[in-house]
Every structure is written in C-alpha cells, then in structure tokens.
Amino acid sequence: MIHEFEKLTGFHPTTDLYKAIEHAYMDFDGDKVEFCKAYVENRDNLASRIARAVDEADRRFDCGLMSYELINGELRQYIH
C-alpha cells in the first residue's frame, strides 16, 4: 500500500511512480522493509531505474509518440 511505502521511506511518490514501485517490489527478493531500505539507499540503482523507466514513458507520452500502460512490471508501449 502506498501509505505503508510512504511511512517506511518518507517518500511520497506520484500514482504512476508508485505503480512502478509496486511492480518492482513484486520482482524484489526480500520483504517490504528490505525493499524500502534498498529503495531509499538506491541500492543497485533500484530507485533510479524505476524513476528512469517512468520518466522515459512520460516523455514519450508527452511527445505524442505513444501511450503506455504498466502491466506486470513492464511498461507496455502503444505507438500511435
């Protein structure tokens, strides 16, 4: 849940970013506390990779080149 993530990290992500965070957590080998600690520490560039994926999808969407949907941890892209 987003509120639990916010409490554990002190970070308040956007809805889109949180969806990506949630999917990354599902692929993470550890519990939620370990994931949140890894996110805050940006261990193995975890937070950076999540943010970069969402930023890239937003950039492409804003350019009108495509829309996207986050499905099973992957940004599914739809070219217009």
C-alpha atoms as a PDB file:
ATOM      1  CA  MET A   1       0.000   0.000   0.000  1.00  0.00           C
ATOM      2  CA  ILE A   2       1.200   3.478  -0.820  1.00  0.00           C
ATOM      3  CA  HIS A   3       0.739   4.740   2.748  1.00  0.00           C
ATOM      4  CA  GLU A   4       2.934   1.982   4.114  1.00  0.00           C
ATOM      5  CA  PHE A   5       5.615   2.752   1.495  1.00  0.00           C
ATOM      6  CA  GLU A   6       5.461   6.442   2.431  1.00  0.00           C
ATOM      7  CA  LYS A   7       5.791   5.623   6.125  1.00  0.00           C
ATOM      8  CA  LEU A   8       8.767   3.304   5.594  1.00  0.00           C
ATOM      9  CA  THR A   9      10.631   5.570   3.173  1.00  0.00           C
ATOM     10  CA  GLY A  10       9.478   9.107   3.947  1.00  0.00           C
ATOM     11  CA  PHE A  11       8.947   9.482   0.197  1.00  0.00           C
ATOM     12  CA  HIS A  12       5.598  10.427  -1.382  1.00  0.00           C
ATOM     13  CA  PRO A  13       5.541   9.161  -4.978  1.00  0.00           C
ATOM     14  CA  THR A  14       3.069  10.057  -7.677  1.00  0.00           C
ATOM     15  CA  THR A  15       0.454   7.462  -8.544  1.00  0.00           C
ATOM     16  CA  ASP A  16       2.286   6.427 -11.719  1.00  0.00           C
ATOM     17  CA  LEU A  17       5.607   6.162  -9.935  1.00  0.00           C
ATOM     18  CA  TYR A  18       4.062   4.127  -7.139  1.00  0.00           C
ATOM     19  CA  LYS A  19       2.619   1.653  -9.668  1.00  0.00           C
ATOM     20  CA  ALA A  20       6.140   1.105 -10.999  1.00  0.00           C
ATOM     21  CA  ILE A  21       7.494   0.817  -7.447  1.00  0.00           C
ATOM     22  CA  GLU A  22       4.855  -1.781  -6.626  1.00  0.00           C
ATOM     23  CA  HIS A  23       5.797  -3.880  -9.646  1.00  0.00           C
ATOM     24  CA  ALA A  24       9.494  -3.611  -8.819  1.00  0.00           C
ATOM     25  CA  TYR A  25       8.687  -4.831  -5.310  1.00  0.00           C
ATOM     26  CA  MET A  26       6.997  -7.928  -6.745  1.00  0.00           C
ATOM     27  CA  ASP A  27      10.265  -8.767  -8.515  1.00  0.00           C
ATOM     28  CA  PHE A  28      12.371  -7.997  -5.434  1.00  0.00           C
ATOM     29  CA  ASP A  29      13.946 -10.826  -3.474  1.00  0.00           C
ATOM     30  CA  GLY A  30      13.083  -9.700   0.039  1.00  0.00           C
ATOM     31  CA  ASP A  31      10.320  -8.366   2.238  1.00  0.00           C
ATOM     32  CA  LYS A  32       8.765  -4.900   2.130  1.00  0.00           C
ATOM     33  CA  VAL A  33      11.088  -3.470   4.779  1.00  0.00           C
ATOM     34  CA  GLU A  34      14.156  -4.674   2.854  1.00  0.00           C
ATOM     35  CA  PHE A  35      12.708  -3.313  -0.391  1.00  0.00           C
ATOM     36  CA  CYS A  36      12.030   0.091   1.141  1.00  0.00           C
ATOM     37  CA  LYS A  37      15.524   0.217   2.613  1.00  0.00           C
ATOM     38  CA  ALA A  38      17.014  -0.704  -0.779  1.00  0.00           C
ATOM     39  CA  TYR A  39      14.846   1.961  -2.431  1.00  0.00           C
ATOM     40  CA  VAL A  40      15.922   4.708  -0.009  1.00  0.00           C
ATOM     41  CA  GLU A  41      19.582   3.700  -0.347  1.00  0.00           C
ATOM     42  CA  ASN A  42      19.135   3.361  -4.124  1.00  0.00           C
ATOM     43  CA  ARG A  43      20.851   0.002  -3.804  1.00  0.00           C
ATOM     44  CA  ASP A  44      21.783  -1.391  -7.230  1.00  0.00           C
ATOM     45  CA  ASN A  45      20.242   1.799  -8.675  1.00  0.00           C
ATOM     46  CA  LEU A  46      16.779   0.493  -7.753  1.00  0.00           C
ATOM     47  CA  ALA A  47      15.112   3.885  -7.283  1.00  0.00           C
ATOM     48  CA  SER A  48      16.961   5.371 -10.240  1.00  0.00           C
ATOM     49  CA  ARG A  49      15.929   2.562 -12.589  1.00  0.00           C
ATOM     50  CA  ILE A  50      12.270   2.850 -11.563  1.00  0.00           C
ATOM     51  CA  ALA A  51      12.250   6.636 -11.948  1.00  0.00           C
ATOM     52  CA  ARG A  52      14.079   6.473 -15.289  1.00  0.00           C
ATOM     53  CA  ALA A  53      11.552   3.990 -16.718  1.00  0.00           C
ATOM     54  CA  VAL A  54       8.602   6.144 -15.666  1.00  0.00           C
ATOM     55  CA  ASP A  55      10.280   9.361 -16.903  1.00  0.00           C
ATOM     56  CA  GLU A  56      11.023   7.804 -20.283  1.00  0.00           C
ATOM     57  CA  ALA A  57       7.451   6.584 -20.655  1.00  0.00           C
ATOM     58  CA  ASP A  58       6.126  10.019 -19.647  1.00  0.00           C
ATOM     59  CA  ARG A  59       8.460  11.751 -22.108  1.00  0.00           C
ATOM     60  CA  ARG A  60       7.307   9.583 -24.980  1.00  0.00           C
ATOM     61  CA  PHE A  61       3.687  10.021 -23.992  1.00  0.00           C
ATOM     62  CA  ASP A  62       4.065  13.807 -23.714  1.00  0.00           C
ATOM     63  CA  CYS A  63       5.619  13.931 -27.179  1.00  0.00           C
ATOM     64  CA  GLY A  64       2.535  12.232 -28.563  1.00  0.00           C
ATOM     65  CA  LEU A  65       4.643   9.384 -29.885  1.00  0.00           C
ATOM     66  CA  MET A  66       3.000   6.743 -27.796  1.00  0.00           C
ATOM     67  CA  SER A  67       0.888   5.931 -24.822  1.00  0.00           C
ATOM     68  CA  TYR A  68       1.800   3.343 -22.247  1.00  0.00           C
ATOM     69  CA  GLU A  69       0.404   1.097 -19.636  1.00  0.00           C
ATOM     70  CA  LEU A  70       2.170  -0.623 -16.782  1.00  0.00           C
ATOM     71  CA  ILE A  71       1.372  -4.341 -16.941  1.00  0.00           C
ATOM     72  CA  ASN A  72       3.088  -6.946 -14.792  1.00  0.00           C
ATOM     73  CA  GLY A  73       6.025  -4.686 -14.071  1.00  0.00           C
ATOM     74  CA  GLU A  74       6.642  -3.754 -17.690  1.00  0.00           C
ATOM     75  CA  LEU A  75       5.759  -0.564 -19.455  1.00  0.00           C
ATOM     76  CA  ARG A  76       3.706  -1.736 -22.409  1.00  0.00           C
ATOM     77  CA  GLN A  77       4.030   0.752 -25.189  1.00  0.00           C
ATOM     78  CA  TYR A  78       1.464   1.578 -27.804  1.00  0.00           C
ATOM     79  CA  ILE A  79       2.692   3.561 -30.772  1.00  0.00           C
ATOM     80  CA  HIS A  80       0.130   5.974 -32.210  1.00  0.00           C
END
